[in-house]
Amino acid sequence: MSFPRAVAFLWAATWRNRIRRQLERLRKPRYLLGALVGAAYLYSVFFRRLDFRGPVGGVSEGVRLFAELSLVGSALGTLVAAWVLGRDRPSLTFSETEVVQLFPAPIPRRALLQYKLVRGLLGTTLGALFATLFLGRTISPHPVLFFVGACLALGTLYLHSTAASFVRTRLAARGTWGRVIRWGAVAVVLGLVALAVLSSLRAHPVPQDLSSGRALRAWLQALMDSPGVGAVLWPGQLLVAPALAQSVREFLTALPPVLVLLAAHYAWVLLAEVPFEETAVVRAESRSRERMLRASGRMTRVGAMTLSRPPFRLQARGRPEVAILWKNLIARKRMGGGFAVFLVFIVMGGAIAAMMGDTRMFTDTRRVLGPVALTLAVTLTVVGPSAFRMDLRMDLPKLDLLRALPLTGRQVVRAQLAASALAVGAFQLALLAVALVLGPGVEAPRLGAWWWPGGLALALLLPAISLAGLFVQNAAVVLFPAWVPADSGERARGLEAMGQRLLAVVGTLVVTLVGLIPASLVALVVGLPLSAFLGPWSLPVAALAAAGVLVGEVALGVIALGHAFERLDVSEDRPE
């Protein structure tokens, strides 16, 4: 059997076995229910709206311009990243199975290279398919033409990145001179790009009035048509032209240059070929070692572990469950950095606006950033319990170790719940503090009268609601461990896995809303009589009463969940 036929047989058998395994999993009720929910979600949200029977209406000028800028920018960013980012080694990756089966076989290196190129191009085709399903009907009136153009563009970018990694590997082997050549060429190209953009901006300066979308589109179009920026954007525009074609004639006109580019890049990869076997073996062994560590529960995400100061010093004596809290707070760094970065941007934006000395600009900035921070704090109440998993969900593969600790079930549950609750609450309070300080702006006097009372009420209420959501998520781990995916660093894939996650989110929201009913009633009983005397300041009092009810419900739930944790059978079916 020839190598191409063997590869085709291997791929066909792999997909057949994967589909068979997925179908066999549907015999279990949790996977069948998850698959049904996932299929219903995909159909109702997405597939029900698809219609490929013919071209849709024309794309508006604004949408087309935005799509062109986005796609061209992404293509140019990929080209720059291929030469600037990453390590100086071949970008080809082989799995451990491929290394064991293909490398010792009597297969030339050129055949192995073509094998990986075909696999990579198949991956780009799958990416083009998803892009067509989600964006094709919005950007192009001909989704089929958009799919073909996206396949060609993504395939060319993939080949360019592969060839660039080969060239960088050759230059790195030359030592200092190779690095000088590489970075000198990058500096020259970036310098020419900067000069071209500056010259175009001199010819087409930013208009003073960009309040209307038509004026903004006219300026962007003039800038793109200028010689300087046009030369910079030309490679990206050439690549995305078939995907953005609005007619078959326009597509056929833009197709030949992209086909030539694709063929030239394929030949470039073959000519720039470098030895990649040793690097592929090392990377395959590294990935295999990572999977073994994840499976054993000794590592959650390889490569993301960095030495940093612990949240607090763990004393030799004290309450033993504090050690679990300490451990989980250390794991927070791999989950919550994005919120802190966004918070820094909000604070910096307000500070820059204040330093500019323009009172109106500062007022407008406050009017935007204050509600944005408030919205983020409220949104974090909904997504926080699912995003922050430093609790029993993270330690699900190590439930047997938790059961072996000299702690009661109540202590374990309470310590596991505390870490996520502290992290979510800290982010919520920080965002609310930013919102309260910036305020709604002086142009909203009515809202300003309720801003501080409402903000303080939310500061009391939102962490309590998040605590309730986190309790529901951890209760699912103890009561239904087979339904909860283990946080092992590799997310479960498949239609049934997506359905299970949807069921978990919906279940959390429903149970949390049911728990909010008593808290809402208490808040009404307390807040309504006081509103006649305190006005807006009755909100914090009512929120405090509601938060007390929620915390009390969680405290009672922790007691019951602790008993369930002590009776948990760790040998029962675990999630896959």
Protein backbone atom coordinates (compact mmCIF):
# COMPACT_ATOMS: atom_id res chain seq x y z
CA MET A 1 0.00 0.00 0.00
CA SER A 2 1.36 3.42 -0.95
CA PHE A 3 1.88 6.13 1.62
CA PRO A 4 -1.01 8.35 0.37
CA ARG A 5 -3.41 5.40 0.45
CA ALA A 6 -2.22 4.45 3.94
CA VAL A 7 -2.75 8.02 5.15
CA ALA A 8 -6.22 8.13 3.61
CA PHE A 9 -7.09 4.84 5.30
CA LEU A 10 -5.73 6.11 8.64
CA TRP A 11 -7.76 9.32 8.51
CA ALA A 12 -10.93 7.52 7.43
CA ALA A 13 -10.55 4.93 10.20
CA THR A 14 -9.84 7.65 12.78
CA TRP A 15 -12.98 9.60 11.92
CA ARG A 16 -15.06 6.44 11.73
CA ASN A 17 -13.90 5.33 15.17
CA ARG A 18 -14.42 8.80 16.62
CA ILE A 19 -17.99 8.97 15.31
CA ARG A 20 -18.66 5.43 16.53
CA ARG A 21 -17.38 6.32 20.00
CA GLN A 22 -19.53 9.44 20.08
CA LEU A 23 -22.59 7.40 19.14
CA GLU A 24 -21.81 4.74 21.74
CA ARG A 25 -21.63 7.42 24.41
CA LEU A 26 -25.20 8.39 23.59
CA ARG A 27 -26.36 5.16 25.23
CA LYS A 28 -25.81 6.88 28.58
CA PRO A 29 -28.65 9.26 29.50
CA ARG A 30 -26.41 12.20 30.41
CA TYR A 31 -24.71 12.17 27.01
CA LEU A 32 -27.97 11.63 25.12
CA LEU A 33 -29.66 14.50 26.93
CA GLY A 34 -26.61 16.71 26.39
CA ALA A 35 -26.57 15.89 22.67
CA LEU A 36 -30.27 16.68 22.32
CA VAL A 37 -29.88 20.00 24.11
CA GLY A 38 -26.79 20.90 22.06
CA ALA A 39 -28.49 20.02 18.77
CA ALA A 40 -31.60 22.00 19.71
CA TYR A 41 -29.46 24.99 20.64
CA LEU A 42 -27.48 24.91 17.37
CA TYR A 43 -30.64 24.57 15.30
CA SER A 44 -32.64 27.29 17.07
CA VAL A 45 -29.81 29.81 17.23
CA PHE A 46 -27.93 29.12 14.04
CA PHE A 47 -28.96 26.49 11.48
CA ARG A 48 -32.60 27.57 11.39
CA ARG A 49 -31.53 30.88 9.88
CA LEU A 50 -29.33 29.45 7.14
CA ASP A 51 -30.52 29.51 3.57
CA PHE A 52 -28.10 28.55 0.79
CA ARG A 53 -30.66 28.35 -2.00
CA GLY A 54 -29.41 31.50 -3.64
CA PRO A 55 -27.61 34.80 -3.19
CA VAL A 56 -28.82 37.16 -0.53
CA GLY A 57 -29.29 40.89 -0.89
CA GLY A 58 -26.38 43.21 -1.50
CA VAL A 59 -23.99 43.98 1.33
CA SER A 60 -24.06 47.57 2.55
CA GLU A 61 -21.08 49.80 1.96
CA GLY A 62 -20.33 50.18 5.67
CA VAL A 63 -20.41 46.44 6.34
CA ARG A 64 -18.21 45.74 3.33
CA LEU A 65 -15.65 48.36 4.35
CA PHE A 66 -15.55 47.08 7.94
CA ALA A 67 -15.22 43.47 6.75
CA GLU A 68 -12.44 44.38 4.34
CA LEU A 69 -10.48 46.27 6.99
CA SER A 70 -10.92 43.46 9.50
CA LEU A 71 -9.89 40.67 7.13
CA VAL A 72 -7.00 42.63 5.64
CA GLY A 73 -5.78 43.59 9.11
CA SER A 74 -5.96 39.97 10.25
CA ALA A 75 -4.04 38.77 7.19
CA LEU A 76 -1.31 41.39 7.59
CA GLY A 77 -1.10 40.66 11.32
CA THR A 78 -0.58 36.96 10.54
CA LEU A 79 2.19 37.80 8.08
CA VAL A 80 3.99 40.00 10.61
CA ALA A 81 3.56 37.46 13.42
CA ALA A 82 5.10 34.75 11.24
CA TRP A 83 8.39 36.68 11.22
CA VAL A 84 8.34 38.38 14.61
CA LEU A 85 6.65 36.09 17.13
CA GLY A 86 7.39 32.54 18.21
CA ARG A 87 10.51 30.46 18.51
CA ASP A 88 13.03 29.95 15.73
CA ARG A 89 12.15 26.36 14.93
CA PRO A 90 9.93 24.54 12.41
CA SER A 91 6.26 25.08 13.14
CA LEU A 92 5.31 21.54 12.14
CA THR A 93 3.80 19.57 15.01
CA PHE A 94 3.37 15.80 15.12
CA SER A 95 1.43 13.82 17.67
CA GLU A 96 3.16 11.06 19.61
CA THR A 97 1.28 8.47 17.59
CA GLU A 98 2.48 10.02 14.32
CA VAL A 99 6.05 10.11 15.60
CA VAL A 100 5.93 6.44 16.61
CA GLN A 101 4.23 5.21 13.45
CA LEU A 102 5.60 7.46 10.70
CA PHE A 103 9.13 8.43 11.67
CA PRO A 104 10.58 4.88 11.80
CA ALA A 105 8.74 3.95 8.59
CA PRO A 106 10.54 4.00 5.23
CA ILE A 107 9.06 7.37 4.35
CA PRO A 108 11.17 10.24 2.98
CA ARG A 109 11.16 13.59 4.74
CA ARG A 110 9.48 15.25 1.76
CA ALA A 111 6.52 12.86 2.11
CA LEU A 112 6.24 13.63 5.83
CA LEU A 113 6.32 17.34 5.04
CA GLN A 114 3.59 17.02 2.43
CA TYR A 115 1.56 14.93 4.88
CA LYS A 116 1.63 17.73 7.47
CA LEU A 117 0.92 20.36 4.84
CA VAL A 118 -2.17 18.50 3.70
CA ARG A 119 -3.34 18.16 7.30
CA GLY A 120 -2.75 21.85 7.88
CA LEU A 121 -4.65 22.79 4.73
CA LEU A 122 -7.54 20.58 5.80
CA GLY A 123 -7.56 22.45 9.11
CA THR A 124 -7.70 25.79 7.32
CA THR A 125 -10.58 24.45 5.22
CA LEU A 126 -12.48 23.63 8.40
CA GLY A 127 -11.77 27.14 9.69
CA ALA A 128 -13.05 28.60 6.42
CA LEU A 129 -16.22 26.52 6.76
CA PHE A 130 -16.94 27.91 10.23
CA ALA A 131 -16.17 31.42 9.04
CA THR A 132 -18.64 30.95 6.18
CA LEU A 133 -21.34 29.61 8.47
CA PHE A 134 -21.00 32.44 10.97
CA LEU A 135 -19.97 35.37 8.76
CA GLY A 136 -20.41 34.44 5.12
CA ARG A 137 -24.05 35.49 4.79
CA THR A 138 -23.27 38.85 6.36
CA ILE A 139 -20.17 39.76 4.36
CA SER A 140 -20.81 38.23 0.95
CA PRO A 141 -23.99 37.69 -1.11
CA HIS A 142 -22.46 34.38 -2.33
CA PRO A 143 -21.47 32.17 0.65
CA VAL A 144 -20.00 29.48 -1.61
CA LEU A 145 -17.63 31.99 -3.19
CA PHE A 146 -16.77 33.31 0.26
CA PHE A 147 -15.92 29.76 1.40
CA VAL A 148 -13.63 29.11 -1.57
CA GLY A 149 -11.92 32.47 -1.15
CA ALA A 150 -11.50 31.90 2.60
CA CYS A 151 -9.96 28.47 1.94
CA LEU A 152 -7.42 29.98 -0.45
CA ALA A 153 -6.57 32.89 1.85
CA LEU A 154 -6.20 30.78 5.01
CA GLY A 155 -4.25 28.13 3.14
CA THR A 156 -1.83 30.70 1.78
CA LEU A 157 -1.33 32.21 5.23
CA TYR A 158 -0.69 28.75 6.67
CA LEU A 159 1.93 27.99 4.03
CA HIS A 160 3.52 31.41 4.58
CA SER A 161 3.81 30.79 8.34
CA THR A 162 5.36 27.37 7.72
CA ALA A 163 7.87 28.72 5.21
CA ALA A 164 8.70 31.63 7.53
CA SER A 165 9.45 29.20 10.36
CA PHE A 166 11.82 27.29 8.06
CA VAL A 167 13.61 30.48 7.02
CA ARG A 168 13.87 31.66 10.63
CA THR A 169 15.33 28.28 11.59
CA ARG A 170 17.98 28.61 8.88
CA LEU A 171 18.84 32.16 9.95
CA ALA A 172 19.03 31.15 13.62
CA ALA A 173 21.54 28.44 12.68
CA ARG A 174 23.86 31.17 11.35
CA GLY A 175 24.12 32.79 14.76
CA THR A 176 24.51 36.53 15.13
CA TRP A 177 24.59 37.27 11.41
CA GLY A 178 21.36 35.39 10.89
CA ARG A 179 19.62 37.37 13.62
CA VAL A 180 20.96 40.63 12.18
CA ILE A 181 19.63 39.74 8.72
CA ARG A 182 16.23 38.74 10.04
CA TRP A 183 15.60 41.66 12.37
CA GLY A 184 17.19 44.11 9.94
CA ALA A 185 14.77 43.03 7.22
CA VAL A 186 11.84 43.25 9.65
CA ALA A 187 12.93 46.74 10.73
CA VAL A 188 13.26 47.93 7.13
CA VAL A 189 9.80 46.63 6.22
CA LEU A 190 8.17 48.15 9.30
CA GLY A 191 9.96 51.43 8.66
CA LEU A 192 8.71 51.58 5.09
CA VAL A 193 5.20 50.80 6.32
CA ALA A 194 5.37 53.61 8.87
CA LEU A 195 6.60 56.09 6.24
CA ALA A 196 3.84 55.07 3.82
CA VAL A 197 1.15 55.47 6.48
CA LEU A 198 2.51 58.85 7.62
CA SER A 199 2.64 60.15 4.05
CA SER A 200 -0.96 59.07 3.49
CA LEU A 201 -2.06 60.75 6.72
CA ARG A 202 -0.43 63.99 5.61
CA ALA A 203 -2.34 63.83 2.35
CA HIS A 204 -5.58 62.79 4.06
CA PRO A 205 -5.56 64.13 7.65
CA VAL A 206 -8.14 63.05 10.14
CA PRO A 207 -11.25 65.24 9.70
CA GLN A 208 -12.25 67.35 12.64
CA ASP A 209 -15.84 66.11 12.47
CA LEU A 210 -16.23 62.32 12.43
CA SER A 211 -19.59 62.25 14.17
CA SER A 212 -21.41 60.68 11.22
CA GLY A 213 -20.72 57.23 9.88
CA ARG A 214 -20.72 58.51 6.30
CA ALA A 215 -17.88 60.95 7.03
CA LEU A 216 -15.85 58.22 8.72
CA ARG A 217 -16.36 55.83 5.81
CA ALA A 218 -15.40 58.50 3.30
CA TRP A 219 -12.17 59.28 5.15
CA LEU A 220 -11.24 55.59 5.56
CA GLN A 221 -11.96 54.90 1.89
CA ALA A 222 -9.83 57.85 0.80
CA LEU A 223 -7.03 56.70 3.08
CA MET A 224 -7.18 53.16 1.71
CA ASP A 225 -7.12 54.47 -1.88
CA SER A 226 -4.04 56.60 -1.24
CA PRO A 227 -0.74 55.29 -2.68
CA GLY A 228 0.98 54.83 0.70
CA VAL A 229 -1.68 52.96 2.63
CA GLY A 230 -2.80 51.22 -0.54
CA ALA A 231 0.68 49.74 -0.98
CA VAL A 232 0.69 48.56 2.64
CA LEU A 233 -2.74 46.96 2.38
CA TRP A 234 -2.20 45.49 -1.09
CA PRO A 235 -0.97 42.01 0.02
CA GLY A 236 -3.91 41.58 2.37
CA GLN A 237 -6.42 42.95 -0.13
CA LEU A 238 -5.08 40.56 -2.74
CA LEU A 239 -5.62 37.60 -0.41
CA VAL A 240 -9.14 38.47 0.73
CA ALA A 241 -10.42 39.73 -2.63
CA PRO A 242 -11.99 36.39 -3.69
CA ALA A 243 -13.75 36.01 -0.33
CA LEU A 244 -15.18 39.54 -0.56
CA ALA A 245 -16.25 39.23 -4.18
CA GLN A 246 -19.80 40.49 -4.72
CA SER A 247 -20.32 38.67 -8.02
CA VAL A 248 -19.05 35.64 -9.91
CA ARG A 249 -17.21 37.85 -12.42
CA GLU A 250 -15.46 39.73 -9.62
CA PHE A 251 -14.53 36.40 -8.00
CA LEU A 252 -13.06 35.00 -11.24
CA THR A 253 -11.07 38.21 -11.72
CA ALA A 254 -9.56 38.03 -8.24
CA LEU A 255 -8.95 34.26 -8.30
CA PRO A 256 -5.80 33.87 -10.51
CA PRO A 257 -3.44 36.01 -8.36
CA VAL A 258 -4.40 34.10 -5.20
CA LEU A 259 -3.89 30.76 -6.95
CA VAL A 260 -0.45 31.90 -8.06
CA LEU A 261 0.36 32.99 -4.50
CA LEU A 262 -0.81 29.64 -3.11
CA ALA A 263 1.32 27.67 -5.58
CA ALA A 264 4.33 29.92 -4.98
CA HIS A 265 4.07 29.48 -1.21
CA TYR A 266 3.79 25.71 -1.59
CA ALA A 267 6.95 25.67 -3.69
CA TRP A 268 8.62 28.01 -1.17
CA VAL A 269 7.88 25.56 1.67
CA LEU A 270 9.38 22.68 -0.27
CA LEU A 271 12.50 24.68 -1.18
CA ALA A 272 13.03 26.08 2.32
CA GLU A 273 12.64 22.68 3.98
CA VAL A 274 14.80 22.12 7.06
CA PRO A 275 15.20 19.03 9.30
CA PHE A 276 12.23 18.93 11.64
CA GLU A 277 12.28 15.40 13.05
CA GLU A 278 14.17 16.19 16.27
CA THR A 279 12.00 19.19 17.11
CA ALA A 280 8.84 17.22 16.37
CA VAL A 281 9.92 14.36 18.65
CA VAL A 282 10.74 16.74 21.52
CA ARG A 283 7.43 18.57 21.21
CA ALA A 284 5.45 15.32 20.98
CA GLU A 285 7.15 13.98 24.11
CA SER A 286 6.46 17.24 25.91
CA ARG A 287 2.75 17.14 25.04
CA SER A 288 2.53 13.49 26.10
CA ARG A 289 4.15 14.31 29.42
CA GLU A 290 1.72 17.17 29.93
CA ARG A 291 -1.27 14.91 29.32
CA MET A 292 0.06 12.37 31.81
CA LEU A 293 0.51 15.05 34.45
CA ARG A 294 -3.00 16.37 33.84
CA ALA A 295 -4.45 12.88 34.07
CA SER A 296 -2.64 12.27 37.36
CA GLY A 297 -3.98 15.55 38.76
CA ARG A 298 -0.52 16.98 39.40
CA MET A 299 -0.78 19.74 36.81
CA THR A 300 -3.69 21.76 35.50
CA ARG A 301 -2.10 23.78 32.72
CA VAL A 302 1.48 23.24 31.69
CA GLY A 303 3.38 26.36 30.74
CA ALA A 304 1.08 28.69 32.67
CA MET A 305 2.73 28.02 36.04
CA THR A 306 4.79 31.02 37.11
CA LEU A 307 6.53 31.72 40.39
CA SER A 308 4.80 34.54 42.23
CA ARG A 309 4.09 35.66 45.72
CA PRO A 310 1.33 33.68 47.45
CA PRO A 311 -1.85 35.52 48.44
CA PHE A 312 -0.84 35.30 52.12
CA ARG A 313 1.66 33.43 54.24
CA LEU A 314 0.44 30.03 55.31
CA GLN A 315 1.12 29.54 59.00
CA ALA A 316 2.24 26.22 60.45
CA ARG A 317 -0.69 26.25 62.86
CA GLY A 318 -4.26 27.31 62.43
CA ARG A 319 -7.47 26.12 60.86
CA PRO A 320 -6.57 23.31 58.42
CA GLU A 321 -9.12 24.29 55.76
CA VAL A 322 -7.22 27.55 55.26
CA ALA A 323 -4.62 25.51 53.37
CA ILE A 324 -7.22 24.63 50.73
CA LEU A 325 -8.18 28.28 50.42
CA TRP A 326 -4.50 29.22 50.07
CA LYS A 327 -3.98 26.61 47.34
CA ASN A 328 -7.00 27.69 45.34
CA LEU A 329 -6.15 31.37 45.54
CA ILE A 330 -2.75 30.61 44.03
CA ALA A 331 -4.55 28.90 41.11
CA ARG A 332 -6.56 32.08 40.49
CA LYS A 333 -3.81 33.61 38.31
CA ARG A 334 -4.61 31.30 35.42
CA MET A 335 -8.25 32.41 35.34
CA GLY A 336 -8.79 36.03 36.24
CA GLY A 337 -6.08 38.17 34.67
CA GLY A 338 -8.27 39.59 31.90
CA PHE A 339 -10.60 41.38 34.30
CA ALA A 340 -7.69 43.10 36.03
CA VAL A 341 -6.29 44.27 32.69
CA PHE A 342 -9.64 45.71 31.68
CA LEU A 343 -9.92 47.40 35.05
CA VAL A 344 -6.51 49.01 34.52
CA PHE A 345 -7.64 50.32 31.13
CA ILE A 346 -10.73 51.88 32.70
CA VAL A 347 -8.69 53.62 35.40
CA MET A 348 -6.05 54.78 32.91
CA GLY A 349 -8.71 56.11 30.55
CA GLY A 350 -10.27 58.20 33.30
CA ALA A 351 -6.87 59.47 34.46
CA ILE A 352 -5.78 60.47 30.95
CA ALA A 353 -9.04 62.30 30.37
CA ALA A 354 -8.61 64.14 33.66
CA MET A 355 -5.03 65.15 32.86
CA MET A 356 -6.02 66.55 29.48
CA GLY A 357 -7.85 69.34 31.32
CA ASP A 358 -10.93 69.37 29.09
CA THR A 359 -13.91 69.38 31.43
CA ARG A 360 -16.38 68.28 28.78
CA MET A 361 -14.14 65.42 27.66
CA PHE A 362 -13.72 64.28 31.28
CA THR A 363 -17.49 64.45 31.79
CA ASP A 364 -18.14 62.45 28.63
CA THR A 365 -15.49 59.92 29.62
CA ARG A 366 -17.07 59.50 33.03
CA ARG A 367 -20.48 59.11 31.40
CA VAL A 368 -19.15 56.21 29.33
CA LEU A 369 -16.66 54.47 31.64
CA GLY A 370 -18.82 54.59 34.76
CA PRO A 371 -21.76 52.67 33.26
CA VAL A 372 -19.31 50.33 31.49
CA ALA A 373 -17.69 49.37 34.79
CA LEU A 374 -21.12 48.96 36.36
CA THR A 375 -22.26 46.73 33.49
CA LEU A 376 -19.14 44.59 33.83
CA ALA A 377 -19.77 44.13 37.54
CA VAL A 378 -23.34 42.98 36.89
CA THR A 379 -22.22 40.73 34.01
CA LEU A 380 -19.59 39.16 36.24
CA THR A 381 -22.40 38.10 38.57
CA VAL A 382 -23.76 35.88 35.78
CA VAL A 383 -20.56 34.61 34.15
CA GLY A 384 -18.33 34.65 37.24
CA PRO A 385 -19.59 31.38 38.79
CA SER A 386 -18.81 29.57 35.52
CA ALA A 387 -15.52 31.37 34.75
CA PHE A 388 -13.89 31.13 38.20
CA ARG A 389 -13.38 27.44 38.91
CA MET A 390 -10.94 27.44 41.85
CA ASP A 391 -13.13 25.08 43.82
CA LEU A 392 -14.43 21.51 43.71
CA ARG A 393 -14.68 21.68 39.90
CA MET A 394 -10.92 22.17 39.69
CA ASP A 395 -10.27 19.37 42.19
CA LEU A 396 -12.82 16.97 40.74
CA PRO A 397 -10.11 14.53 39.52
CA LYS A 398 -8.71 14.54 43.09
CA LEU A 399 -11.88 13.91 45.06
CA ASP A 400 -10.34 10.80 46.59
CA LEU A 401 -7.48 12.92 47.98
CA LEU A 402 -9.92 15.45 49.42
CA ARG A 403 -11.87 12.66 51.07
CA ALA A 404 -8.65 11.41 52.67
CA LEU A 405 -7.90 14.76 54.34
CA PRO A 406 -8.51 14.98 58.11
CA LEU A 407 -11.34 17.46 57.51
CA THR A 408 -15.07 17.23 57.74
CA GLY A 409 -17.11 17.55 54.58
CA ARG A 410 -18.39 20.91 55.73
CA GLN A 411 -14.84 22.24 56.11
CA VAL A 412 -13.82 21.04 52.64
CA VAL A 413 -16.89 22.50 50.93
CA ARG A 414 -16.57 25.80 52.78
CA ALA A 415 -12.87 26.19 51.94
CA GLN A 416 -13.38 25.25 48.29
CA LEU A 417 -16.25 27.71 47.93
CA ALA A 418 -14.39 30.56 49.63
CA ALA A 419 -11.60 30.95 47.06
CA SER A 420 -13.86 31.47 44.05
CA ALA A 421 -16.21 33.67 46.07
CA LEU A 422 -13.35 35.91 47.22
CA ALA A 423 -11.98 36.25 43.67
CA VAL A 424 -15.34 37.07 42.08
CA GLY A 425 -16.29 39.42 44.89
CA ALA A 426 -12.98 41.27 44.69
CA PHE A 427 -13.39 41.92 40.97
CA GLN A 428 -17.00 43.02 41.44
CA LEU A 429 -16.12 45.44 44.23
CA ALA A 430 -13.21 46.86 42.22
CA LEU A 431 -15.43 47.48 39.19
CA LEU A 432 -18.15 49.01 41.34
CA ALA A 433 -15.58 51.28 43.00
CA VAL A 434 -14.47 52.53 39.58
CA ALA A 435 -18.10 53.07 38.56
CA LEU A 436 -18.93 54.98 41.75
CA VAL A 437 -15.86 57.22 41.52
CA LEU A 438 -16.37 58.06 37.83
CA GLY A 439 -20.11 58.48 38.23
CA PRO A 440 -22.74 58.86 35.50
CA GLY A 441 -21.61 62.40 34.53
CA VAL A 442 -23.02 65.79 35.42
CA GLU A 443 -25.50 65.64 32.53
CA ALA A 444 -27.57 62.97 34.32
CA PRO A 445 -28.66 64.65 37.58
CA ARG A 446 -31.58 62.28 38.22
CA LEU A 447 -29.40 59.23 37.82
CA GLY A 448 -26.73 60.91 39.93
CA ALA A 449 -29.08 61.03 42.92
CA TRP A 450 -29.40 57.24 42.81
CA TRP A 451 -25.80 56.50 41.76
CA TRP A 452 -24.15 56.12 45.17
CA PRO A 453 -27.08 54.45 46.95
CA GLY A 454 -27.55 52.04 44.03
CA GLY A 455 -23.83 51.36 43.82
CA LEU A 456 -23.56 50.58 47.52
CA ALA A 457 -26.60 48.33 47.23
CA LEU A 458 -25.00 46.43 44.39
CA ALA A 459 -21.75 46.16 46.35
CA LEU A 460 -23.68 44.31 49.04
CA LEU A 461 -25.93 42.28 46.76
CA LEU A 462 -23.80 41.19 43.78
CA PRO A 463 -21.16 39.23 45.76
CA ALA A 464 -23.95 37.43 47.60
CA ILE A 465 -25.64 36.45 44.31
CA SER A 466 -22.30 35.25 42.94
CA LEU A 467 -21.79 33.21 46.11
CA ALA A 468 -25.15 31.56 45.56
CA GLY A 469 -24.25 30.74 41.95
CA LEU A 470 -20.90 29.30 43.01
CA PHE A 471 -22.63 27.16 45.62
CA VAL A 472 -24.94 25.71 42.96
CA GLN A 473 -21.97 24.91 40.73
CA ASN A 474 -20.13 23.13 43.57
CA ALA A 475 -23.28 21.35 44.69
CA ALA A 476 -23.52 19.84 41.20
CA VAL A 477 -20.01 18.41 41.64
CA VAL A 478 -20.99 16.62 44.83
CA LEU A 479 -24.51 15.56 43.87
CA PHE A 480 -23.95 14.83 40.15
CA PRO A 481 -20.19 14.27 39.66
CA ALA A 482 -20.68 12.41 36.38
CA TRP A 483 -22.36 15.46 34.81
CA VAL A 484 -19.64 17.96 35.63
CA PRO A 485 -16.61 18.06 33.27
CA ALA A 486 -13.32 17.87 35.12
CA ASP A 487 -11.23 21.02 34.88
CA SER A 488 -8.15 19.20 33.62
CA GLY A 489 -6.95 21.87 31.21
CA GLU A 490 -8.52 20.14 28.19
CA ARG A 491 -12.15 21.00 27.60
CA ALA A 492 -14.46 18.20 26.61
CA ARG A 493 -15.49 18.41 22.97
CA GLY A 494 -18.51 17.26 21.08
CA LEU A 495 -22.18 18.06 20.75
CA GLU A 496 -23.07 16.29 23.99
CA ALA A 497 -20.35 18.17 25.92
CA MET A 498 -21.75 21.48 24.70
CA GLY A 499 -25.24 20.40 25.71
CA GLN A 500 -24.05 19.41 29.17
CA ARG A 501 -22.42 22.82 29.64
CA LEU A 502 -25.66 24.52 28.56
CA LEU A 503 -27.63 22.40 31.03
CA ALA A 504 -25.19 23.33 33.78
CA VAL A 505 -25.51 27.04 33.03
CA VAL A 506 -29.31 26.94 32.80
CA GLY A 507 -29.56 24.83 35.94
CA THR A 508 -27.34 27.25 37.85
CA LEU A 509 -29.44 30.22 36.77
CA VAL A 510 -32.73 28.52 37.62
CA VAL A 511 -31.64 27.37 41.07
CA THR A 512 -30.07 30.74 41.81
CA LEU A 513 -33.26 32.55 40.77
CA VAL A 514 -35.30 30.26 43.01
CA GLY A 515 -33.00 31.13 45.89
CA LEU A 516 -33.45 34.82 45.11
CA ILE A 517 -37.21 34.66 45.73
CA PRO A 518 -36.99 34.70 49.56
CA ALA A 519 -34.24 37.32 49.42
CA SER A 520 -36.37 39.53 47.17
CA LEU A 521 -39.36 39.25 49.47
CA VAL A 522 -37.27 40.21 52.49
CA ALA A 523 -35.77 43.15 50.58
CA LEU A 524 -39.27 44.41 49.72
CA VAL A 525 -40.49 44.06 53.28
CA VAL A 526 -37.48 45.95 54.61
CA GLY A 527 -36.99 48.50 51.84
CA LEU A 528 -40.52 49.72 51.10
CA PRO A 529 -41.28 51.12 54.59
CA LEU A 530 -37.87 52.79 54.76
CA SER A 531 -38.14 54.38 51.30
CA ALA A 532 -40.55 57.01 52.63
CA PHE A 533 -37.97 58.19 55.18
CA LEU A 534 -34.58 57.44 53.56
CA GLY A 535 -35.44 57.78 49.87
CA PRO A 536 -32.71 56.30 47.64
CA TRP A 537 -30.66 55.34 50.69
CA SER A 538 -33.20 52.65 51.52
CA LEU A 539 -31.63 50.59 48.72
CA PRO A 540 -28.44 49.67 50.64
CA VAL A 541 -30.53 48.62 53.65
CA ALA A 542 -32.77 46.42 51.51
CA ALA A 543 -29.75 44.99 49.70
CA LEU A 544 -28.11 44.17 53.04
CA ALA A 545 -31.21 42.27 54.13
CA ALA A 546 -31.37 40.36 50.82
CA ALA A 547 -27.66 39.56 50.98
CA GLY A 548 -28.09 38.26 54.52
CA VAL A 549 -30.84 35.90 53.35
CA LEU A 550 -28.70 34.63 50.47
CA VAL A 551 -25.67 34.08 52.71
CA GLY A 552 -27.89 32.26 55.20
CA GLU A 553 -29.23 30.00 52.46
CA VAL A 554 -25.70 29.22 51.32
CA ALA A 555 -24.63 28.50 54.92
CA LEU A 556 -27.46 26.00 55.35
CA GLY A 557 -26.62 24.52 51.96
CA VAL A 558 -22.96 24.10 52.93
CA ILE A 559 -24.02 22.07 55.98
CA ALA A 560 -26.17 19.75 53.86
CA LEU A 561 -23.58 19.57 51.09
CA GLY A 562 -20.88 18.69 53.62
CA HIS A 563 -22.86 15.61 54.68
CA ALA A 564 -23.35 14.66 51.02
CA PHE A 565 -19.61 15.07 50.40
CA GLU A 566 -18.81 12.68 53.25
CA ARG A 567 -21.11 10.06 51.69
CA LEU A 568 -19.77 10.60 48.16
CA ASP A 569 -18.57 7.41 46.48
CA VAL A 570 -15.38 8.36 44.65
CA SER A 571 -15.41 5.09 42.69
CA GLU A 572 -18.64 5.92 40.84
CA ASP A 573 -18.73 6.99 37.22
CA ARG A 574 -16.55 10.02 36.57
CA PRO A 575 -16.97 12.54 33.76
CA GLU A 576 -14.98 11.96 30.59
